[in-house]
Amino acid sequence: MAGAEPDIKEFLIKILQAVTALVVWAVITMFFGLYLEWAHIHHHFNILNAIFYIWFVVSFIGLIYFLYKVWKR
């Protein structure tokens, strides 16, 4: 992007960072939640379910904070 305006370049970098963060978070969360079935409560709530749901809430809050920081710049 040699001839691009600095504002456009900065905007595209923000979009790329936001999309990358969302995709990485979603892939990690889906892997543990769906593939390893930590999100499924089969007969009773166990420690793996607790770990997954704690991870989900904490990482989602972190993701929102990261996106806020990226778009505030």
PDB file of N, CA and C in Angstrom:
ATOM      1  N   MET A   1       0.820  -1.174   0.000  1.00  0.00           N
ATOM      2  CA  MET A   1       0.000   0.000   0.000  1.00  0.00           C
ATOM      3  C   MET A   1       0.871   1.248   0.000  1.00  0.00           C
ATOM      4  N   ALA A   2       1.690   1.352  -0.975  1.00  0.00           N
ATOM      5  CA  ALA A   2       2.632   2.466  -1.019  1.00  0.00           C
ATOM      6  C   ALA A   2       1.929   3.794  -1.249  1.00  0.00           C
ATOM      7  N   GLY A   3       0.873   3.803  -2.066  1.00  0.00           N
ATOM      8  CA  GLY A   3       0.216   5.058  -2.380  1.00  0.00           C
ATOM      9  C   GLY A   3      -1.040   5.325  -1.572  1.00  0.00           C
ATOM     10  N   ALA A   4      -1.376   4.436  -0.639  1.00  0.00           N
ATOM     11  CA  ALA A   4      -2.611   4.603   0.128  1.00  0.00           C
ATOM     12  C   ALA A   4      -2.465   5.711   1.163  1.00  0.00           C
ATOM     13  N   GLU A   5      -3.569   6.351   1.436  1.00  0.00           N
ATOM     14  CA  GLU A   5      -3.563   7.377   2.466  1.00  0.00           C
ATOM     15  C   GLU A   5      -3.371   6.725   3.832  1.00  0.00           C
ATOM     16  N   PRO A   6      -2.738   7.424   4.757  1.00  0.00           N
ATOM     17  CA  PRO A   6      -2.505   6.845   6.088  1.00  0.00           C
ATOM     18  C   PRO A   6      -3.796   6.470   6.813  1.00  0.00           C
ATOM     19  N   ASP A   7      -4.866   7.249   6.621  1.00  0.00           N
ATOM     20  CA  ASP A   7      -6.133   6.951   7.282  1.00  0.00           C
ATOM     21  C   ASP A   7      -6.730   5.639   6.785  1.00  0.00           C
ATOM     22  N   ILE A   8      -6.666   5.423   5.498  1.00  0.00           N
ATOM     23  CA  ILE A   8      -7.213   4.195   4.923  1.00  0.00           C
ATOM     24  C   ILE A   8      -6.396   2.993   5.377  1.00  0.00           C
ATOM     25  N   LYS A   9      -5.094   3.138   5.365  1.00  0.00           N
ATOM     26  CA  LYS A   9      -4.219   2.047   5.804  1.00  0.00           C
ATOM     27  C   LYS A   9      -4.495   1.696   7.264  1.00  0.00           C
ATOM     28  N   GLU A  10      -4.623   2.696   8.118  1.00  0.00           N
ATOM     29  CA  GLU A  10      -4.910   2.473   9.540  1.00  0.00           C
ATOM     30  C   GLU A  10      -6.269   1.801   9.721  1.00  0.00           C
ATOM     31  N   PHE A  11      -7.259   2.221   8.944  1.00  0.00           N
ATOM     32  CA  PHE A  11      -8.591   1.636   9.016  1.00  0.00           C
ATOM     33  C   PHE A  11      -8.575   0.166   8.608  1.00  0.00           C
ATOM     34  N   LEU A  12      -7.864  -0.155   7.536  1.00  0.00           N
ATOM     35  CA  LEU A  12      -7.784  -1.541   7.083  1.00  0.00           C
ATOM     36  C   LEU A  12      -7.028  -2.418   8.086  1.00  0.00           C
ATOM     37  N   ILE A  13      -6.022  -1.868   8.740  1.00  0.00           N
ATOM     38  CA  ILE A  13      -5.297  -2.606   9.779  1.00  0.00           C
ATOM     39  C   ILE A  13      -6.223  -2.905  10.948  1.00  0.00           C
ATOM     40  N   LYS A  14      -7.059  -1.942  11.333  1.00  0.00           N
ATOM     41  CA  LYS A  14      -8.026  -2.165  12.412  1.00  0.00           C
ATOM     42  C   LYS A  14      -9.010  -3.272  12.052  1.00  0.00           C
ATOM     43  N   ILE A  15      -9.487  -3.252  10.818  1.00  0.00           N
ATOM     44  CA  ILE A  15     -10.418  -4.289  10.366  1.00  0.00           C
ATOM     45  C   ILE A  15      -9.738  -5.650  10.404  1.00  0.00           C
ATOM     46  N   LEU A  16      -8.517  -5.731   9.912  1.00  0.00           N
ATOM     47  CA  LEU A  16      -7.783  -6.993   9.900  1.00  0.00           C
ATOM     48  C   LEU A  16      -7.546  -7.510  11.313  1.00  0.00           C
ATOM     49  N   GLN A  17      -7.169  -6.632  12.232  1.00  0.00           N
ATOM     50  CA  GLN A  17      -6.956  -7.050  13.620  1.00  0.00           C
ATOM     51  C   GLN A  17      -8.252  -7.536  14.254  1.00  0.00           C
ATOM     52  N   ALA A  18      -9.349  -6.853  14.004  1.00  0.00           N
ATOM     53  CA  ALA A  18     -10.635  -7.237  14.582  1.00  0.00           C
ATOM     54  C   ALA A  18     -11.107  -8.585  14.038  1.00  0.00           C
ATOM     55  N   VAL A  19     -11.029  -8.756  12.735  1.00  0.00           N
ATOM     56  CA  VAL A  19     -11.472 -10.014  12.123  1.00  0.00           C
ATOM     57  C   VAL A  19     -10.592 -11.171  12.578  1.00  0.00           C
ATOM     58  N   THR A  20      -9.290 -10.961  12.628  1.00  0.00           N
ATOM     59  CA  THR A  20      -8.373 -12.010  13.078  1.00  0.00           C
ATOM     60  C   THR A  20      -8.657 -12.408  14.515  1.00  0.00           C
ATOM     61  N   ALA A  21      -8.854 -11.438  15.387  1.00  0.00           N
ATOM     62  CA  ALA A  21      -9.142 -11.738  16.791  1.00  0.00           C
ATOM     63  C   ALA A  21     -10.447 -12.514  16.923  1.00  0.00           C
ATOM     64  N   LEU A  22     -11.470 -12.107  16.192  1.00  0.00           N
ATOM     65  CA  LEU A  22     -12.753 -12.807  16.252  1.00  0.00           C
ATOM     66  C   LEU A  22     -12.646 -14.243  15.752  1.00  0.00           C
ATOM     67  N   VAL A  23     -11.953 -14.442  14.647  1.00  0.00           N
ATOM     68  CA  VAL A  23     -11.827 -15.785  14.075  1.00  0.00           C
ATOM     69  C   VAL A  23     -11.012 -16.693  14.989  1.00  0.00           C
ATOM     70  N   VAL A  24      -9.898 -16.205  15.511  1.00  0.00           N
ATOM     71  CA  VAL A  24      -9.072 -17.019  16.415  1.00  0.00           C
ATOM     72  C   VAL A  24      -9.857 -17.376  17.669  1.00  0.00           C
ATOM     73  N   TRP A  25     -10.566 -16.411  18.252  1.00  0.00           N
ATOM     74  CA  TRP A  25     -11.369 -16.675  19.448  1.00  0.00           C
ATOM     75  C   TRP A  25     -12.460 -17.704  19.141  1.00  0.00           C
ATOM     76  N   ALA A  26     -13.139 -17.545  18.014  1.00  0.00           N
ATOM     77  CA  ALA A  26     -14.218 -18.459  17.656  1.00  0.00           C
ATOM     78  C   ALA A  26     -13.701 -19.874  17.410  1.00  0.00           C
ATOM     79  N   VAL A  27     -12.575 -20.012  16.733  1.00  0.00           N
ATOM     80  CA  VAL A  27     -12.023 -21.342  16.449  1.00  0.00           C
ATOM     81  C   VAL A  27     -11.611 -22.044  17.740  1.00  0.00           C
ATOM     82  N   ILE A  28     -10.936 -21.330  18.623  1.00  0.00           N
ATOM     83  CA  ILE A  28     -10.513 -21.927  19.895  1.00  0.00           C
ATOM     84  C   ILE A  28     -11.727 -22.333  20.720  1.00  0.00           C
ATOM     85  N   THR A  29     -12.713 -21.450  20.800  1.00  0.00           N
ATOM     86  CA  THR A  29     -13.906 -21.729  21.595  1.00  0.00           C
ATOM     87  C   THR A  29     -14.711 -22.882  21.001  1.00  0.00           C
ATOM     88  N   MET A  30     -14.848 -22.919  19.685  1.00  0.00           N
ATOM     89  CA  MET A  30     -15.577 -24.023  19.064  1.00  0.00           C
ATOM     90  C   MET A  30     -14.841 -25.343  19.218  1.00  0.00           C
ATOM     91  N   PHE A  31     -13.514 -25.318  19.145  1.00  0.00           N
ATOM     92  CA  PHE A  31     -12.750 -26.552  19.309  1.00  0.00           C
ATOM     93  C   PHE A  31     -13.016 -27.174  20.672  1.00  0.00           C
ATOM     94  N   PHE A  32     -12.850 -26.381  21.717  1.00  0.00           N
ATOM     95  CA  PHE A  32     -13.052 -26.928  23.057  1.00  0.00           C
ATOM     96  C   PHE A  32     -14.526 -27.194  23.344  1.00  0.00           C
ATOM     97  N   GLY A  33     -15.402 -26.315  22.905  1.00  0.00           N
ATOM     98  CA  GLY A  33     -16.816 -26.462  23.216  1.00  0.00           C
ATOM     99  C   GLY A  33     -17.507 -27.548  22.424  1.00  0.00           C
ATOM    100  N   LEU A  34     -17.284 -27.587  21.124  1.00  0.00           N
ATOM    101  CA  LEU A  34     -18.012 -28.528  20.278  1.00  0.00           C
ATOM    102  C   LEU A  34     -17.224 -29.793  19.967  1.00  0.00           C
ATOM    103  N   TYR A  35     -15.978 -29.649  19.565  1.00  0.00           N
ATOM    104  CA  TYR A  35     -15.193 -30.820  19.187  1.00  0.00           C
ATOM    105  C   TYR A  35     -14.872 -31.697  20.395  1.00  0.00           C
ATOM    106  N   LEU A  36     -14.406 -31.089  21.475  1.00  0.00           N
ATOM    107  CA  LEU A  36     -14.109 -31.855  22.689  1.00  0.00           C
ATOM    108  C   LEU A  36     -15.340 -32.033  23.572  1.00  0.00           C
ATOM    109  N   GLU A  37     -16.446 -31.421  23.176  1.00  0.00           N
ATOM    110  CA  GLU A  37     -17.748 -31.516  23.852  1.00  0.00           C
ATOM    111  C   GLU A  37     -17.711 -31.029  25.294  1.00  0.00           C
ATOM    112  N   TRP A  38     -16.908 -30.003  25.559  1.00  0.00           N
ATOM    113  CA  TRP A  38     -16.876 -29.433  26.902  1.00  0.00           C
ATOM    114  C   TRP A  38     -18.095 -28.548  27.133  1.00  0.00           C
ATOM    115  N   ALA A  39     -18.763 -28.112  26.089  1.00  0.00           N
ATOM    116  CA  ALA A  39     -19.950 -27.272  26.241  1.00  0.00           C
ATOM    117  C   ALA A  39     -21.203 -28.104  26.489  1.00  0.00           C
ATOM    118  N   HIS A  40     -21.147 -29.388  26.149  1.00  0.00           N
ATOM    119  CA  HIS A  40     -22.312 -30.259  26.303  1.00  0.00           C
ATOM    120  C   HIS A  40     -22.399 -30.776  27.733  1.00  0.00           C
ATOM    121  N   ILE A  41     -23.561 -30.632  28.323  1.00  0.00           N
ATOM    122  CA  ILE A  41     -23.805 -31.187  29.655  1.00  0.00           C
ATOM    123  C   ILE A  41     -24.581 -32.482  29.432  1.00  0.00           C
ATOM    124  N   HIS A  42     -23.897 -33.624  29.551  1.00  0.00           N
ATOM    125  CA  HIS A  42     -24.520 -34.904  29.225  1.00  0.00           C
ATOM    126  C   HIS A  42     -25.434 -35.386  30.345  1.00  0.00           C
ATOM    127  N   HIS A  43     -24.873 -35.770  31.471  1.00  0.00           N
ATOM    128  CA  HIS A  43     -25.694 -36.264  32.577  1.00  0.00           C
ATOM    129  C   HIS A  43     -25.685 -35.297  33.750  1.00  0.00           C
ATOM    130  N   HIS A  44     -24.561 -34.672  33.959  1.00  0.00           N
ATOM    131  CA  HIS A  44     -24.428 -33.709  35.045  1.00  0.00           C
ATOM    132  C   HIS A  44     -23.349 -32.693  34.679  1.00  0.00           C
ATOM    133  N   PHE A  45     -23.346 -31.595  35.394  1.00  0.00           N
ATOM    134  CA  PHE A  45     -22.369 -30.531  35.172  1.00  0.00           C
ATOM    135  C   PHE A  45     -21.053 -30.949  35.812  1.00  0.00           C
ATOM    136  N   ASN A  46     -19.972 -31.044  35.023  1.00  0.00           N
ATOM    137  CA  ASN A  46     -18.685 -31.481  35.572  1.00  0.00           C
ATOM    138  C   ASN A  46     -17.635 -30.373  35.458  1.00  0.00           C
ATOM    139  N   ILE A  47     -16.431 -30.693  35.853  1.00  0.00           N
ATOM    140  CA  ILE A  47     -15.353 -29.697  35.907  1.00  0.00           C
ATOM    141  C   ILE A  47     -14.985 -29.179  34.513  1.00  0.00           C
ATOM    142  N   LEU A  48     -15.054 -30.032  33.494  1.00  0.00           N
ATOM    143  CA  LEU A  48     -14.735 -29.580  32.132  1.00  0.00           C
ATOM    144  C   LEU A  48     -15.764 -28.573  31.631  1.00  0.00           C
ATOM    145  N   ASN A  49     -17.038 -28.788  31.986  1.00  0.00           N
ATOM    146  CA  ASN A  49     -18.060 -27.802  31.637  1.00  0.00           C
ATOM    147  C   ASN A  49     -17.776 -26.473  32.316  1.00  0.00           C
ATOM    148  N   ALA A  50     -17.401 -26.524  33.578  1.00  0.00           N
ATOM    149  CA  ALA A  50     -17.099 -25.295  34.322  1.00  0.00           C
ATOM    150  C   ALA A  50     -15.904 -24.571  33.710  1.00  0.00           C
ATOM    151  N   ILE A  51     -14.853 -25.321  33.379  1.00  0.00           N
ATOM    152  CA  ILE A  51     -13.670 -24.713  32.758  1.00  0.00           C
ATOM    153  C   ILE A  51     -14.048 -24.041  31.445  1.00  0.00           C
ATOM    154  N   PHE A  52     -14.848 -24.736  30.634  1.00  0.00           N
ATOM    155  CA  PHE A  52     -15.232 -24.167  29.344  1.00  0.00           C
ATOM    156  C   PHE A  52     -16.047 -22.887  29.507  1.00  0.00           C
ATOM    157  N   TYR A  53     -17.048 -22.918  30.372  1.00  0.00           N
ATOM    158  CA  TYR A  53     -17.913 -21.744  30.505  1.00  0.00           C
ATOM    159  C   TYR A  53     -17.196 -20.577  31.169  1.00  0.00           C
ATOM    160  N   ILE A  54     -16.287 -20.853  32.083  1.00  0.00           N
ATOM    161  CA  ILE A  54     -15.467 -19.779  32.645  1.00  0.00           C
ATOM    162  C   ILE A  54     -14.574 -19.196  31.553  1.00  0.00           C
ATOM    163  N   TRP A  55     -13.937 -20.080  30.762  1.00  0.00           N
ATOM    164  CA  TRP A  55     -13.120 -19.628  29.631  1.00  0.00           C
ATOM    165  C   TRP A  55     -13.950 -18.774  28.680  1.00  0.00           C
ATOM    166  N   PHE A  56     -15.159 -19.230  28.372  1.00  0.00           N
ATOM    167  CA  PHE A  56     -16.010 -18.520  27.429  1.00  0.00           C
ATOM    168  C   PHE A  56     -16.290 -17.097  27.902  1.00  0.00           C
ATOM    169  N   VAL A  57     -16.706 -16.948  29.147  1.00  0.00           N
ATOM    170  CA  VAL A  57     -17.063 -15.623  29.669  1.00  0.00           C
ATOM    171  C   VAL A  57     -15.831 -14.725  29.770  1.00  0.00           C
ATOM    172  N   VAL A  58     -14.746 -15.249  30.354  1.00  0.00           N
ATOM    173  CA  VAL A  58     -13.542 -14.433  30.549  1.00  0.00           C
ATOM    174  C   VAL A  58     -12.919 -14.046  29.206  1.00  0.00           C
ATOM    175  N   SER A  59     -12.826 -14.996  28.289  1.00  0.00           N
ATOM    176  CA  SER A  59     -12.215 -14.685  26.994  1.00  0.00           C
ATOM    177  C   SER A  59     -13.102 -13.764  26.162  1.00  0.00           C
ATOM    178  N   PHE A  60     -14.411 -13.887  26.299  1.00  0.00           N
ATOM    179  CA  PHE A  60     -15.307 -12.993  25.567  1.00  0.00           C
ATOM    180  C   PHE A  60     -15.174 -11.562  26.075  1.00  0.00           C
ATOM    181  N   ILE A  61     -15.076 -11.405  27.391  1.00  0.00           N
ATOM    182  CA  ILE A  61     -14.852 -10.072  27.962  1.00  0.00           C
ATOM    183  C   ILE A  61     -13.512  -9.517  27.478  1.00  0.00           C
ATOM    184  N   GLY A  62     -12.477 -10.373  27.449  1.00  0.00           N
ATOM    185  CA  GLY A  62     -11.174  -9.948  26.935  1.00  0.00           C
ATOM    186  C   GLY A  62     -11.231  -9.569  25.467  1.00  0.00           C
ATOM    187  N   LEU A  63     -11.990 -10.316  24.687  1.00  0.00           N
ATOM    188  CA  LEU A  63     -12.142 -10.012  23.263  1.00  0.00           C
ATOM    189  C   LEU A  63     -12.832  -8.667  23.067  1.00  0.00           C
ATOM    190  N   ILE A  64     -13.890  -8.425  23.810  1.00  0.00           N
ATOM    191  CA  ILE A  64     -14.593  -7.147  23.709  1.00  0.00           C
ATOM    192  C   ILE A  64     -13.671  -6.001  24.112  1.00  0.00           C
ATOM    193  N   TYR A  65     -12.887  -6.191  25.171  1.00  0.00           N
ATOM    194  CA  TYR A  65     -11.935  -5.164  25.608  1.00  0.00           C
ATOM    195  C   TYR A  65     -10.888  -4.906  24.521  1.00  0.00           C
ATOM    196  N   PHE A  66     -10.375  -5.986  23.920  1.00  0.00           N
ATOM    197  CA  PHE A  66      -9.388  -5.840  22.846  1.00  0.00           C
ATOM    198  C   PHE A  66      -9.980  -5.075  21.664  1.00  0.00           C
ATOM    199  N   LEU A  67     -11.194  -5.433  21.259  1.00  0.00           N
ATOM    200  CA  LEU A  67     -11.829  -4.742  20.138  1.00  0.00           C
ATOM    201  C   LEU A  67     -12.090  -3.273  20.468  1.00  0.00           C
ATOM    202  N   TYR A  68     -12.458  -3.001  21.696  1.00  0.00           N
ATOM    203  CA  TYR A  68     -12.654  -1.613  22.126  1.00  0.00           C
ATOM    204  C   TYR A  68     -11.353  -0.824  22.013  1.00  0.00           C
ATOM    205  N   LYS A  69     -10.254  -1.427  22.478  1.00  0.00           N
ATOM    206  CA  LYS A  69      -8.952  -0.749  22.417  1.00  0.00           C
ATOM    207  C   LYS A  69      -8.512  -0.531  20.965  1.00  0.00           C
ATOM    208  N   VAL A  70      -8.753  -1.515  20.106  1.00  0.00           N
ATOM    209  CA  VAL A  70      -8.360  -1.389  18.700  1.00  0.00           C
ATOM    210  C   VAL A  70      -9.129  -0.254  18.035  1.00  0.00           C
ATOM    211  N   TRP A  71     -10.433  -0.192  18.241  1.00  0.00           N
ATOM    212  CA  TRP A  71     -11.240   0.803  17.544  1.00  0.00           C
ATOM    213  C   TRP A  71     -11.188   2.174  18.195  1.00  0.00           C
ATOM    214  N   LYS A  72     -10.699   2.258  19.433  1.00  0.00           N
ATOM    215  CA  LYS A  72     -10.574   3.560  20.083  1.00  0.00           C
ATOM    216  C   LYS A  72      -9.355   4.322  19.564  1.00  0.00           C
ATOM    217  N   ARG A  73      -8.336   3.601  19.106  1.00  0.00           N
ATOM    218  CA  ARG A  73      -7.114   4.247  18.611  1.00  0.00           C
ATOM    219  C   ARG A  73      -7.392   5.179  17.467  1.00  0.00           C
TER     220      ARG A  73
END
